[in-house]
Amino acid sequence: MSGRALIVGMALAGASAAAHGADWSMEPSASRLEFVATFERNAALGVFREFDARMRFDPGKPEGGRLDVTIKVGSADMSGADVNKAIHGPEWFDSARFPQAEFHAAEIGRSGANRFLARGTLSLKGRQQPVEVPFTWTGTADAATIAGEIGIDRRSFGIGTGEWTSTNVIGAEVKVRFNVRLRKVN
């Protein structure tokens, strides 16, 4: 290979990498992942204490971006020992058999000014469903925050089985809210 061909090849490889955006990793202490269920039509707040988010993203060219989230389901906390014991059991998260939930999106598009939509697959309790996650992006050259909220039908993932299948006491929709601080990976 000639010197000129090598330089052109390296330039094309660099342009390809730049087109996919920068790599970003989550700052755990500055990030939050909440879920809000309804119990007798009242909000019941929970939080996942252990999760991780990684992203390849350029807000100027979101196409080709990627978002990967892993959640330790056993870290779900609804601020009560009895409730926490129940939600980790087989009728709810079944965290012993399914210790991790994942969301992987390889399609990200712009939906407005600093607004984006990640289309991917959510894997939870042994089931997979396509999910669209809207988010806002607020960032600088080295740090950013993504935030958003989605509604998920818990029944699609077998969350709340047996006597809890009915939506009379526990509502079908669970809202998932996130505010994730990211740092650019060098």
C-alpha atoms as a PDB file:
ATOM      1  CA  MET A   1       0.000   0.000   0.000  1.00  0.00           C
ATOM      2  CA  SER A   2       1.359   3.394  -0.949  1.00  0.00           C
ATOM      3  CA  GLY A   3       1.860   6.141   1.614  1.00  0.00           C
ATOM      4  CA  ARG A   4      -0.944   8.165   0.058  1.00  0.00           C
ATOM      5  CA  ALA A   5      -3.373   5.213   0.151  1.00  0.00           C
ATOM      6  CA  LEU A   6      -2.471   4.610   3.796  1.00  0.00           C
ATOM      7  CA  ILE A   7      -3.171   8.246   4.694  1.00  0.00           C
ATOM      8  CA  VAL A   8      -6.512   8.195   2.823  1.00  0.00           C
ATOM      9  CA  GLY A   9      -7.455   4.925   4.568  1.00  0.00           C
ATOM     10  CA  MET A  10      -6.612   6.345   7.978  1.00  0.00           C
ATOM     11  CA  ALA A  11      -8.588   9.524   7.249  1.00  0.00           C
ATOM     12  CA  LEU A  12     -11.642   7.486   6.182  1.00  0.00           C
ATOM     13  CA  ALA A  13     -11.402   5.323   9.303  1.00  0.00           C
ATOM     14  CA  GLY A  14     -11.216   8.440  11.471  1.00  0.00           C
ATOM     15  CA  ALA A  15     -14.175  10.010   9.666  1.00  0.00           C
ATOM     16  CA  SER A  16     -16.179   6.811  10.192  1.00  0.00           C
ATOM     17  CA  ALA A  17     -15.443   6.805  13.931  1.00  0.00           C
ATOM     18  CA  ALA A  18     -16.310  10.507  14.221  1.00  0.00           C
ATOM     19  CA  ALA A  19     -19.623   9.952  12.402  1.00  0.00           C
ATOM     20  CA  HIS A  20     -20.715   7.591  15.178  1.00  0.00           C
ATOM     21  CA  GLY A  21     -20.083  10.133  17.934  1.00  0.00           C
ATOM     22  CA  ALA A  22     -18.133  10.134  21.156  1.00  0.00           C
ATOM     23  CA  ASP A  23     -18.212   7.473  23.843  1.00  0.00           C
ATOM     24  CA  TRP A  24     -19.874   8.472  27.117  1.00  0.00           C
ATOM     25  CA  SER A  25     -20.012   6.669  30.475  1.00  0.00           C
ATOM     26  CA  MET A  26     -22.300   7.253  33.429  1.00  0.00           C
ATOM     27  CA  GLU A  27     -21.344   9.019  36.648  1.00  0.00           C
ATOM     28  CA  PRO A  28     -23.210   6.827  39.188  1.00  0.00           C
ATOM     29  CA  SER A  29     -23.253   9.310  42.073  1.00  0.00           C
ATOM     30  CA  ALA A  30     -24.928  11.969  39.910  1.00  0.00           C
ATOM     31  CA  SER A  31     -27.464   9.691  38.171  1.00  0.00           C
ATOM     32  CA  ARG A  32     -30.932   8.479  39.137  1.00  0.00           C
ATOM     33  CA  LEU A  33     -33.341   5.856  37.761  1.00  0.00           C
ATOM     34  CA  GLU A  34     -36.839   5.869  39.280  1.00  0.00           C
ATOM     35  CA  PHE A  35     -40.065   4.005  38.666  1.00  0.00           C
ATOM     36  CA  VAL A  36     -43.539   5.123  39.649  1.00  0.00           C
ATOM     37  CA  ALA A  37     -46.309   2.549  39.957  1.00  0.00           C
ATOM     38  CA  THR A  38     -49.836   3.236  41.141  1.00  0.00           C
ATOM     39  CA  PHE A  39     -51.283   1.596  44.235  1.00  0.00           C
ATOM     40  CA  GLU A  40     -55.012   2.245  44.625  1.00  0.00           C
ATOM     41  CA  ARG A  41     -54.552   5.133  42.174  1.00  0.00           C
ATOM     42  CA  ASN A  42     -51.854   6.769  44.308  1.00  0.00           C
ATOM     43  CA  ALA A  43     -48.257   7.139  43.120  1.00  0.00           C
ATOM     44  CA  ALA A  44     -45.854   4.604  44.620  1.00  0.00           C
ATOM     45  CA  LEU A  45     -42.248   5.671  44.003  1.00  0.00           C
ATOM     46  CA  GLY A  46     -39.320   3.304  43.683  1.00  0.00           C
ATOM     47  CA  VAL A  47     -35.697   3.630  42.658  1.00  0.00           C
ATOM     48  CA  PHE A  48     -33.072   1.343  41.177  1.00  0.00           C
ATOM     49  CA  ARG A  49     -29.962   1.950  43.237  1.00  0.00           C
ATOM     50  CA  GLU A  50     -27.571   0.110  40.871  1.00  0.00           C
ATOM     51  CA  PHE A  51     -27.555   0.671  37.132  1.00  0.00           C
ATOM     52  CA  ASP A  52     -25.157   1.677  34.403  1.00  0.00           C
ATOM     53  CA  ALA A  53     -25.539   3.589  31.138  1.00  0.00           C
ATOM     54  CA  ARG A  54     -23.097   3.855  28.272  1.00  0.00           C
ATOM     55  CA  MET A  55     -23.598   5.817  25.136  1.00  0.00           C
ATOM     56  CA  ARG A  56     -21.999   6.531  21.778  1.00  0.00           C
ATOM     57  CA  PHE A  57     -23.541   9.785  20.680  1.00  0.00           C
ATOM     58  CA  ASP A  58     -23.082  13.045  18.835  1.00  0.00           C
ATOM     59  CA  PRO A  59     -26.049  15.398  19.367  1.00  0.00           C
ATOM     60  CA  GLY A  60     -25.283  17.059  16.026  1.00  0.00           C
ATOM     61  CA  LYS A  61     -25.486  13.704  14.218  1.00  0.00           C
ATOM     62  CA  PRO A  62     -27.530  11.305  16.353  1.00  0.00           C
ATOM     63  CA  GLU A  63     -27.862   8.705  13.594  1.00  0.00           C
ATOM     64  CA  GLY A  64     -25.471   5.848  14.264  1.00  0.00           C
ATOM     65  CA  GLY A  65     -25.601   6.497  18.005  1.00  0.00           C
ATOM     66  CA  ARG A  66     -26.071   3.788  20.593  1.00  0.00           C
ATOM     67  CA  LEU A  67     -27.448   3.620  24.139  1.00  0.00           C
ATOM     68  CA  ASP A  68     -26.873   0.645  26.460  1.00  0.00           C
ATOM     69  CA  VAL A  69     -28.369   0.457  29.962  1.00  0.00           C
ATOM     70  CA  THR A  70     -28.043  -2.372  32.485  1.00  0.00           C
ATOM     71  CA  ILE A  71     -30.037  -2.459  35.723  1.00  0.00           C
ATOM     72  CA  LYS A  72     -29.479  -4.679  38.743  1.00  0.00           C
ATOM     73  CA  VAL A  73     -33.100  -5.544  39.423  1.00  0.00           C
ATOM     74  CA  GLY A  74     -32.290  -6.609  43.003  1.00  0.00           C
ATOM     75  CA  SER A  75     -31.380  -2.979  43.755  1.00  0.00           C
ATOM     76  CA  ALA A  76     -35.046  -1.888  43.416  1.00  0.00           C
ATOM     77  CA  ASP A  77     -36.074  -0.003  46.538  1.00  0.00           C
ATOM     78  CA  MET A  78     -39.556   1.230  47.429  1.00  0.00           C
ATOM     79  CA  SER A  79     -38.566   2.409  50.946  1.00  0.00           C
ATOM     80  CA  GLY A  80     -40.198  -0.368  52.930  1.00  0.00           C
ATOM     81  CA  ALA A  81     -38.811  -3.755  54.011  1.00  0.00           C
ATOM     82  CA  ASP A  82     -42.052  -5.668  53.360  1.00  0.00           C
ATOM     83  CA  VAL A  83     -42.670  -4.015  49.994  1.00  0.00           C
ATOM     84  CA  ASN A  84     -39.035  -4.551  48.946  1.00  0.00           C
ATOM     85  CA  LYS A  85     -39.239  -8.236  49.872  1.00  0.00           C
ATOM     86  CA  ALA A  86     -42.431  -8.584  47.802  1.00  0.00           C
ATOM     87  CA  ILE A  87     -41.166  -6.785  44.678  1.00  0.00           C
ATOM     88  CA  HIS A  88     -38.062  -8.987  44.541  1.00  0.00           C
ATOM     89  CA  GLY A  89     -40.196 -12.141  44.677  1.00  0.00           C
ATOM     90  CA  PRO A  90     -41.422 -14.289  41.770  1.00  0.00           C
ATOM     91  CA  GLU A  91     -44.724 -12.425  41.311  1.00  0.00           C
ATOM     92  CA  TRP A  92     -42.958  -9.155  40.643  1.00  0.00           C
ATOM     93  CA  PHE A  93     -39.304  -8.737  39.501  1.00  0.00           C
ATOM     94  CA  ASP A  94     -38.178 -12.284  40.407  1.00  0.00           C
ATOM     95  CA  SER A  95     -34.692 -10.869  40.927  1.00  0.00           C
ATOM     96  CA  ALA A  96     -33.249 -14.262  41.939  1.00  0.00           C
ATOM     97  CA  ARG A  97     -34.001 -15.749  38.492  1.00  0.00           C
ATOM     98  CA  PHE A  98     -33.683 -12.519  36.495  1.00  0.00           C
ATOM     99  CA  PRO A  99     -31.054 -10.374  38.243  1.00  0.00           C
ATOM    100  CA  GLN A 100     -30.555  -7.926  35.387  1.00  0.00           C
ATOM    101  CA  ALA A 101     -32.685  -5.863  33.043  1.00  0.00           C
ATOM    102  CA  GLU A 102     -31.211  -4.332  29.897  1.00  0.00           C
ATOM    103  CA  PHE A 103     -32.093  -1.728  27.306  1.00  0.00           C
ATOM    104  CA  HIS A 104     -30.140  -1.602  24.056  1.00  0.00           C
ATOM    105  CA  ALA A 105     -30.827   0.979  21.351  1.00  0.00           C
ATOM    106  CA  ALA A 106     -28.896   1.164  18.094  1.00  0.00           C
ATOM    107  CA  GLU A 107     -31.267   3.678  16.526  1.00  0.00           C
ATOM    108  CA  ILE A 108     -31.316   7.248  17.814  1.00  0.00           C
ATOM    109  CA  GLY A 109     -32.991  10.134  16.034  1.00  0.00           C
ATOM    110  CA  ARG A 110     -33.727  13.781  16.666  1.00  0.00           C
ATOM    111  CA  SER A 111     -37.281  14.691  17.711  1.00  0.00           C
ATOM    112  CA  GLY A 112     -36.775  18.422  18.432  1.00  0.00           C
ATOM    113  CA  ALA A 113     -34.246  20.913  19.768  1.00  0.00           C
ATOM    114  CA  ASN A 114     -32.097  18.925  22.223  1.00  0.00           C
ATOM    115  CA  ARG A 115     -34.741  16.176  22.107  1.00  0.00           C
ATOM    116  CA  PHE A 116     -34.054  12.684  20.850  1.00  0.00           C
ATOM    117  CA  LEU A 117     -35.685   9.275  20.595  1.00  0.00           C
ATOM    118  CA  ALA A 118     -33.814   6.020  21.212  1.00  0.00           C
ATOM    119  CA  ARG A 119     -35.490   2.967  19.678  1.00  0.00           C
ATOM    120  CA  GLY A 120     -34.411  -0.361  21.078  1.00  0.00           C
ATOM    121  CA  THR A 121     -35.263  -3.462  23.054  1.00  0.00           C
ATOM    122  CA  LEU A 122     -36.000  -3.728  26.759  1.00  0.00           C
ATOM    123  CA  SER A 123     -35.238  -7.119  28.320  1.00  0.00           C
ATOM    124  CA  LEU A 124     -36.903  -7.616  31.699  1.00  0.00           C
ATOM    125  CA  LYS A 125     -37.857 -10.763  33.585  1.00  0.00           C
ATOM    126  CA  GLY A 126     -36.993 -12.986  30.622  1.00  0.00           C
ATOM    127  CA  ARG A 127     -39.116 -11.055  28.129  1.00  0.00           C
ATOM    128  CA  GLN A 128     -38.128  -8.640  25.394  1.00  0.00           C
ATOM    129  CA  GLN A 129     -40.189  -5.794  23.971  1.00  0.00           C
ATOM    130  CA  PRO A 130     -39.419  -2.950  21.572  1.00  0.00           C
ATOM    131  CA  VAL A 131     -39.371   0.355  23.433  1.00  0.00           C
ATOM    132  CA  GLU A 132     -38.988   3.977  22.377  1.00  0.00           C
ATOM    133  CA  VAL A 133     -37.229   6.156  24.936  1.00  0.00           C
ATOM    134  CA  PRO A 134     -37.508   9.935  24.483  1.00  0.00           C
ATOM    135  CA  PHE A 135     -34.768  11.960  26.125  1.00  0.00           C
ATOM    136  CA  THR A 136     -33.317  15.425  26.334  1.00  0.00           C
ATOM    137  CA  TRP A 137     -29.610  16.087  25.979  1.00  0.00           C
ATOM    138  CA  THR A 138     -27.873  18.901  27.839  1.00  0.00           C
ATOM    139  CA  GLY A 139     -24.146  18.910  27.383  1.00  0.00           C
ATOM    140  CA  THR A 140     -20.751  20.475  27.063  1.00  0.00           C
ATOM    141  CA  ALA A 141     -17.658  19.101  25.338  1.00  0.00           C
ATOM    142  CA  ASP A 142     -16.852  16.692  28.189  1.00  0.00           C
ATOM    143  CA  ALA A 143     -20.047  16.234  30.245  1.00  0.00           C
ATOM    144  CA  ALA A 144     -23.732  15.781  29.520  1.00  0.00           C
ATOM    145  CA  THR A 145     -27.041  14.880  31.094  1.00  0.00           C
ATOM    146  CA  ILE A 146     -29.773  12.816  29.509  1.00  0.00           C
ATOM    147  CA  ALA A 147     -33.205  12.909  31.104  1.00  0.00           C
ATOM    148  CA  GLY A 148     -36.609  11.557  30.247  1.00  0.00           C
ATOM    149  CA  GLU A 149     -39.638   9.513  31.154  1.00  0.00           C
ATOM    150  CA  ILE A 150     -41.443   6.584  29.552  1.00  0.00           C
ATOM    151  CA  GLY A 151     -44.513   4.571  30.398  1.00  0.00           C
ATOM    152  CA  ILE A 152     -44.303   0.775  30.377  1.00  0.00           C
ATOM    153  CA  ASP A 153     -47.152  -1.706  30.715  1.00  0.00           C
ATOM    154  CA  ARG A 154     -45.929  -4.014  33.497  1.00  0.00           C
ATOM    155  CA  ARG A 155     -48.057  -6.879  32.156  1.00  0.00           C
ATOM    156  CA  SER A 156     -45.931  -7.033  28.963  1.00  0.00           C
ATOM    157  CA  PHE A 157     -43.038  -8.228  31.130  1.00  0.00           C
ATOM    158  CA  GLY A 158     -44.928 -10.489  33.543  1.00  0.00           C
ATOM    159  CA  ILE A 159     -44.521  -8.002  36.387  1.00  0.00           C
ATOM    160  CA  GLY A 160     -47.346  -8.632  38.851  1.00  0.00           C
ATOM    161  CA  THR A 161     -48.578 -12.184  38.371  1.00  0.00           C
ATOM    162  CA  GLY A 162     -51.072 -14.311  40.272  1.00  0.00           C
ATOM    163  CA  GLU A 163     -53.403 -12.176  42.351  1.00  0.00           C
ATOM    164  CA  TRP A 164     -51.563  -9.069  41.085  1.00  0.00           C
ATOM    165  CA  THR A 165     -52.426  -9.584  37.403  1.00  0.00           C
ATOM    166  CA  SER A 166     -55.536  -7.448  37.820  1.00  0.00           C
ATOM    167  CA  THR A 167     -55.034  -3.708  37.507  1.00  0.00           C
ATOM    168  CA  ASN A 168     -57.674  -2.802  40.122  1.00  0.00           C
ATOM    169  CA  VAL A 169     -55.134  -2.301  42.936  1.00  0.00           C
ATOM    170  CA  ILE A 170     -51.814  -1.906  41.076  1.00  0.00           C
ATOM    171  CA  GLY A 171     -52.136   0.007  37.805  1.00  0.00           C
ATOM    172  CA  ALA A 172     -50.914  -1.424  34.505  1.00  0.00           C
ATOM    173  CA  GLU A 173     -48.646   1.474  33.557  1.00  0.00           C
ATOM    174  CA  VAL A 174     -45.394   2.104  35.356  1.00  0.00           C
ATOM    175  CA  LYS A 175     -43.538   5.317  34.611  1.00  0.00           C
ATOM    176  CA  VAL A 176     -39.771   5.113  34.410  1.00  0.00           C
ATOM    177  CA  ARG A 177     -37.885   8.372  34.944  1.00  0.00           C
ATOM    178  CA  PHE A 178     -34.193   8.897  34.472  1.00  0.00           C
ATOM    179  CA  ASN A 179     -31.657  11.650  34.931  1.00  0.00           C
ATOM    180  CA  VAL A 180     -28.220  10.377  33.965  1.00  0.00           C
ATOM    181  CA  ARG A 181     -24.982  12.344  34.159  1.00  0.00           C
ATOM    182  CA  LEU A 182     -22.456  11.296  31.523  1.00  0.00           C
ATOM    183  CA  ARG A 183     -18.754  11.956  31.144  1.00  0.00           C
ATOM    184  CA  LYS A 184     -16.953  11.744  27.798  1.00  0.00           C
ATOM    185  CA  VAL A 185     -14.557   8.809  27.658  1.00  0.00           C
ATOM    186  CA  ASN A 186     -11.118   9.790  26.354  1.00  0.00           C
END
